[in-house]
Amino acid sequence: MVPFMGDLFGGAAPYYAKYRSGHGDPAIEHLAMTFGADSTVLDLGCGPGTVAIPLARRVRRVLAADPDEEMLAEGARLAAGVPNITWLSGDSTTLRAFPAFDHVVMGRSFHWMDRRAVLAELDELLPPGGVVAIIGPPPRDMEEGPWEPVMRRVRDEFGVNTFRAANSYQTSGEHHHEVLETSPFGDLDATSYENRRMYDLDAVIGLQLSYSYTAPARLGDRVAAFTGAARAALLAQNPSGRWEQRTVTEVLIARRPRA
């Protein structure tokens, strides 16, 4: 059974903020140009502000919503001095409780939601011209980290095998594109941006603690044992303790078709 969304990432917030890859300036600028400088944007499932913080510098206001209070607190800490972000406790089931917004952006959070139900509700809430944007790695072009074969073995040892969101491409077989094409926001435009990032040993370990299936709350009192086992296994595989990963960020813009 998948935990309640607010419990999925217990203790993960600082690791998520520090070690998850950002989307890069070109992708954020793409969003900003699409939304417009005078817009209010809902970042639904904002985490620690991976999108909300850089986007806030380019639009009028960002409503950053997440069910995880630790994520919201970490985002507010990182956004100190950025005045036009409002941090809100909530998720895709509380859309009507949020202040009015012009557009909505979602990252990896989208695959945890009932996607069709959310899009139908957004069709009622968004004004004419309102955009739904999805940003993140496209599932068909995801390249796992070179450390993953080692980490899968460590996770097996600790009984914390990866679980996937019910609406992810890997679980449902439906890409976000396919869901959006049959939604009220069926006019799609997709652009991809490629980056390469170097990871050292601490970054790979920190990345593990940012995931729902190996978040500190899930590991409990085994955090030290897990990180120690991971460190030893990773160095045995690659004594240099350095890895390079290719990442692709897709910006998927969905609009209502023109009449």
Protein backbone atom coordinates (compact mmCIF):
# COMPACT_ATOMS: atom_id res chain seq x y z
CA MET A 1 0.00 0.00 0.00
CA VAL A 2 1.38 3.42 -0.97
CA PRO A 3 1.48 5.84 1.99
CA PHE A 4 -0.53 9.05 2.13
CA MET A 5 1.15 11.67 -0.05
CA GLY A 6 2.12 13.80 2.94
CA ASP A 7 4.05 10.83 4.39
CA LEU A 8 5.81 9.64 1.22
CA PHE A 9 8.94 11.72 1.65
CA GLY A 10 9.36 11.88 5.42
CA GLY A 11 12.80 13.32 6.21
CA ALA A 12 13.69 13.61 2.51
CA ALA A 13 13.20 17.36 2.03
CA PRO A 14 16.80 18.58 2.58
CA TYR A 15 18.18 15.77 0.41
CA TYR A 16 15.60 16.44 -2.29
CA ALA A 17 16.50 20.13 -2.34
CA LYS A 18 20.25 19.53 -2.44
CA TYR A 19 20.66 16.47 -4.63
CA ARG A 20 17.76 16.25 -7.09
CA SER A 21 18.69 17.75 -10.43
CA GLY A 22 17.18 21.12 -11.22
CA HIS A 23 15.51 21.60 -14.57
CA GLY A 24 17.96 24.22 -15.83
CA ASP A 25 17.48 27.86 -16.78
CA PRO A 26 16.36 27.21 -20.38
CA ALA A 27 13.45 25.04 -19.21
CA ILE A 28 12.39 27.53 -16.53
CA GLU A 29 12.64 30.39 -19.01
CA HIS A 30 10.46 28.40 -21.41
CA LEU A 31 7.79 28.15 -18.71
CA ALA A 32 8.07 31.84 -17.87
CA MET A 33 7.72 32.93 -21.49
CA THR A 34 4.68 30.70 -21.87
CA PHE A 35 2.96 31.96 -18.72
CA GLY A 36 3.82 35.64 -19.07
CA ALA A 37 5.37 38.05 -16.58
CA ASP A 38 2.03 39.23 -15.17
CA SER A 39 0.68 35.76 -14.36
CA THR A 40 -0.11 33.89 -11.16
CA VAL A 41 1.07 30.28 -11.44
CA LEU A 42 0.11 27.32 -9.27
CA ASP A 43 3.03 24.92 -8.77
CA LEU A 44 1.09 21.82 -7.77
CA GLY A 45 3.25 19.37 -5.84
CA CYS A 46 6.04 21.90 -5.51
CA GLY A 47 8.36 19.93 -3.22
CA PRO A 48 11.10 22.24 -1.91
CA GLY A 49 10.55 24.78 -4.69
CA THR A 50 12.59 23.24 -7.50
CA VAL A 51 10.39 25.05 -10.03
CA ALA A 52 8.65 27.62 -7.83
CA ILE A 53 11.76 29.47 -6.69
CA PRO A 54 13.42 30.14 -10.07
CA LEU A 55 10.04 30.72 -11.71
CA ALA A 56 9.01 33.32 -9.12
CA ARG A 57 11.71 35.65 -10.39
CA ARG A 58 10.03 35.68 -13.81
CA VAL A 59 6.27 35.87 -13.06
CA ARG A 60 4.05 38.00 -10.85
CA ARG A 61 3.24 35.36 -8.24
CA VAL A 62 3.73 31.64 -7.58
CA LEU A 63 1.39 29.59 -5.40
CA ALA A 64 3.58 26.70 -4.23
CA ALA A 65 1.41 23.83 -2.95
CA ASP A 66 2.47 20.52 -1.45
CA PRO A 67 1.01 18.08 1.11
CA ASP A 68 4.40 17.57 2.81
CA GLU A 69 5.03 20.19 5.51
CA GLU A 70 8.77 19.42 5.55
CA MET A 71 9.00 20.15 1.83
CA LEU A 72 7.15 23.44 2.30
CA ALA A 73 9.41 24.45 5.18
CA GLU A 74 12.55 23.63 3.18
CA GLY A 75 11.23 25.59 0.22
CA ALA A 76 10.40 28.61 2.38
CA ARG A 77 13.91 28.47 3.85
CA LEU A 78 15.54 28.35 0.43
CA ALA A 79 13.27 31.10 -0.89
CA ALA A 80 14.08 33.59 1.87
CA GLY A 81 14.12 36.99 0.20
CA VAL A 82 11.84 35.93 -2.67
CA PRO A 83 8.63 37.80 -1.79
CA ASN A 84 6.21 36.59 -4.42
CA ILE A 85 5.89 32.92 -3.44
CA THR A 86 2.97 31.80 -1.27
CA TRP A 87 3.56 28.38 0.32
CA LEU A 88 0.33 26.38 0.65
CA SER A 89 -0.44 23.05 2.31
CA GLY A 90 -2.56 21.07 -0.12
CA ASP A 91 -2.61 18.81 -3.15
CA SER A 92 -4.62 17.89 -6.23
CA THR A 93 -7.68 17.13 -4.06
CA THR A 94 -7.79 20.68 -2.63
CA LEU A 95 -7.59 22.73 -5.84
CA ARG A 96 -10.69 24.75 -5.01
CA ALA A 97 -9.21 25.89 -1.70
CA PHE A 98 -6.32 27.72 -3.39
CA PRO A 99 -6.39 31.37 -4.43
CA ALA A 100 -7.19 32.00 -8.10
CA PHE A 101 -4.43 31.21 -10.58
CA ASP A 102 -3.86 31.75 -14.30
CA HIS A 103 -1.77 28.68 -15.11
CA VAL A 104 -0.57 25.50 -13.40
CA VAL A 105 2.75 23.66 -13.54
CA MET A 106 3.45 20.18 -12.26
CA GLY A 107 6.66 18.20 -12.14
CA ARG A 108 7.06 14.62 -10.99
CA SER A 109 4.04 15.15 -8.75
CA PHE A 110 1.69 14.61 -11.71
CA HIS A 111 2.26 10.86 -11.76
CA TRP A 112 1.01 10.55 -8.16
CA MET A 113 -2.35 12.11 -9.08
CA ASP A 114 -5.58 10.92 -10.65
CA ARG A 115 -4.48 12.69 -13.81
CA ARG A 116 -7.76 12.74 -15.71
CA ALA A 117 -9.74 13.91 -12.70
CA VAL A 118 -7.23 16.69 -12.02
CA LEU A 119 -7.31 17.88 -15.63
CA ALA A 120 -11.10 17.91 -15.66
CA GLU A 121 -11.15 20.03 -12.52
CA LEU A 122 -8.48 22.37 -13.87
CA ASP A 123 -10.67 22.87 -16.94
CA GLU A 124 -13.28 24.33 -14.59
CA LEU A 125 -10.81 26.46 -12.63
CA LEU A 126 -8.41 27.85 -15.21
CA PRO A 127 -9.42 31.00 -17.10
CA PRO A 128 -9.59 31.12 -20.91
CA GLY A 129 -6.02 30.87 -22.14
CA GLY A 130 -4.93 29.05 -18.99
CA VAL A 131 -2.10 26.58 -19.56
CA VAL A 132 -1.23 23.26 -17.94
CA ALA A 133 2.52 22.65 -18.00
CA ILE A 134 4.33 19.43 -17.09
CA ILE A 135 8.08 19.59 -16.55
CA GLY A 136 10.45 16.71 -15.95
CA PRO A 137 12.16 13.74 -17.57
CA PRO A 138 10.11 12.14 -20.35
CA PRO A 139 9.67 8.45 -19.42
CA ARG A 140 10.59 7.21 -22.88
CA ASP A 141 13.91 9.06 -22.69
CA MET A 142 14.84 8.37 -19.08
CA GLU A 143 18.38 7.20 -18.54
CA GLU A 144 18.99 5.65 -15.16
CA GLY A 145 22.04 6.69 -13.19
CA PRO A 146 25.10 4.52 -13.76
CA TRP A 147 25.01 3.66 -10.04
CA GLU A 148 21.52 2.12 -10.25
CA PRO A 149 22.49 -1.56 -10.74
CA VAL A 150 24.49 -1.35 -7.50
CA MET A 151 21.78 0.53 -5.64
CA ARG A 152 19.08 -1.95 -6.66
CA ARG A 153 21.09 -4.71 -5.00
CA VAL A 154 21.46 -2.63 -1.83
CA ARG A 155 17.75 -1.84 -1.78
CA ASP A 156 17.01 -5.55 -2.18
CA GLU A 157 19.19 -6.28 0.84
CA PHE A 158 17.22 -3.78 2.92
CA GLY A 159 13.82 -4.77 1.56
CA VAL A 160 13.07 -1.31 0.20
CA ASN A 161 12.53 -2.10 -3.44
CA THR A 162 11.35 0.73 -5.62
CA PHE A 163 7.60 1.28 -5.67
CA ARG A 164 6.09 3.38 -8.39
CA ALA A 165 3.27 5.86 -8.44
CA ALA A 166 0.00 4.31 -9.61
CA ASN A 167 -0.21 6.75 -12.51
CA SER A 168 3.39 6.68 -13.66
CA TYR A 169 4.19 5.64 -17.22
CA GLN A 170 6.00 2.53 -15.93
CA THR A 171 2.96 1.41 -13.94
CA SER A 172 -0.03 2.54 -16.02
CA GLY A 173 1.52 2.34 -19.48
CA GLU A 174 0.08 5.77 -20.26
CA HIS A 175 2.46 8.63 -20.92
CA HIS A 176 1.40 12.10 -19.78
CA HIS A 177 1.10 13.00 -23.47
CA GLU A 178 -1.54 10.33 -23.98
CA VAL A 179 -3.54 11.44 -20.95
CA LEU A 180 -3.39 15.09 -21.99
CA GLU A 181 -4.36 14.40 -25.61
CA THR A 182 -7.74 13.06 -24.46
CA SER A 183 -8.26 15.81 -21.85
CA PRO A 184 -9.70 19.32 -22.26
CA PHE A 185 -6.07 20.43 -22.74
CA GLY A 186 -5.39 18.41 -25.87
CA ASP A 187 -3.34 20.98 -27.80
CA LEU A 188 0.22 19.94 -26.93
CA ASP A 189 3.68 21.34 -27.51
CA ALA A 190 6.78 19.59 -26.17
CA THR A 191 10.37 20.81 -26.00
CA SER A 192 13.32 18.92 -24.51
CA TYR A 193 16.52 20.21 -22.94
CA GLU A 194 19.54 17.98 -22.36
CA ASN A 195 22.10 18.33 -19.58
CA ARG A 196 24.94 16.34 -18.11
CA ARG A 197 25.72 16.30 -14.41
CA MET A 198 28.61 14.93 -12.39
CA TYR A 199 27.82 13.17 -9.10
CA ASP A 200 30.28 12.41 -6.34
CA LEU A 201 29.72 9.71 -3.74
CA ASP A 202 27.94 12.01 -1.27
CA ALA A 203 25.59 13.20 -4.01
CA VAL A 204 24.65 9.64 -5.01
CA ILE A 205 24.01 8.73 -1.36
CA GLY A 206 22.03 11.93 -0.82
CA LEU A 207 19.97 11.18 -3.91
CA GLN A 208 18.90 7.85 -2.40
CA LEU A 209 17.59 9.62 0.71
CA SER A 210 15.52 11.95 -1.50
CA TYR A 211 13.41 9.11 -2.94
CA SER A 212 10.06 8.03 -1.52
CA TYR A 213 11.14 4.39 -1.24
CA THR A 214 14.39 5.17 0.65
CA ALA A 215 13.40 8.35 2.47
CA PRO A 216 14.73 8.52 6.04
CA ALA A 217 11.24 7.94 7.50
CA ARG A 218 10.91 4.74 5.47
CA LEU A 219 14.34 3.45 6.52
CA GLY A 220 13.81 4.43 10.16
CA ASP A 221 16.69 3.44 12.41
CA ARG A 222 18.43 1.75 9.47
CA VAL A 223 19.49 4.99 7.76
CA ALA A 224 23.12 4.71 8.89
CA ALA A 225 23.31 1.02 7.97
CA PHE A 226 21.75 1.66 4.57
CA THR A 227 24.04 4.57 3.69
CA GLY A 228 27.07 2.63 4.91
CA ALA A 229 26.18 -0.39 2.78
CA ALA A 230 25.49 1.84 -0.22
CA ARG A 231 28.78 3.66 0.19
CA ALA A 232 30.77 0.42 0.36
CA ALA A 233 28.97 -1.11 -2.63
CA LEU A 234 29.30 2.00 -4.77
CA LEU A 235 33.03 2.35 -4.10
CA ALA A 236 33.56 -1.34 -4.84
CA GLN A 237 31.93 -0.76 -8.23
CA ASN A 238 33.65 2.55 -8.92
CA PRO A 239 36.61 3.43 -6.65
CA SER A 240 36.81 6.95 -8.11
CA GLY A 241 33.50 7.81 -6.46
CA ARG A 242 32.44 9.94 -9.43
CA TRP A 243 29.70 9.35 -11.99
CA GLU A 244 28.31 11.28 -14.94
CA GLN A 245 24.63 11.17 -15.84
CA ARG A 246 22.79 12.49 -18.87
CA THR A 247 19.46 14.09 -18.03
CA VAL A 248 16.65 15.29 -20.26
CA THR A 249 14.01 17.77 -19.13
CA GLU A 250 10.85 17.97 -21.17
CA VAL A 251 8.59 21.02 -20.99
CA LEU A 252 5.14 19.87 -22.05
CA ILE A 253 2.70 22.72 -22.63
CA ALA A 254 -1.00 21.78 -22.84
CA ARG A 255 -3.69 24.21 -23.95
CA ARG A 256 -7.37 23.93 -24.72
CA PRO A 257 -7.80 23.44 -28.49
CA ARG A 258 -8.95 26.52 -30.32
CA ALA A 259 -12.54 26.42 -31.50
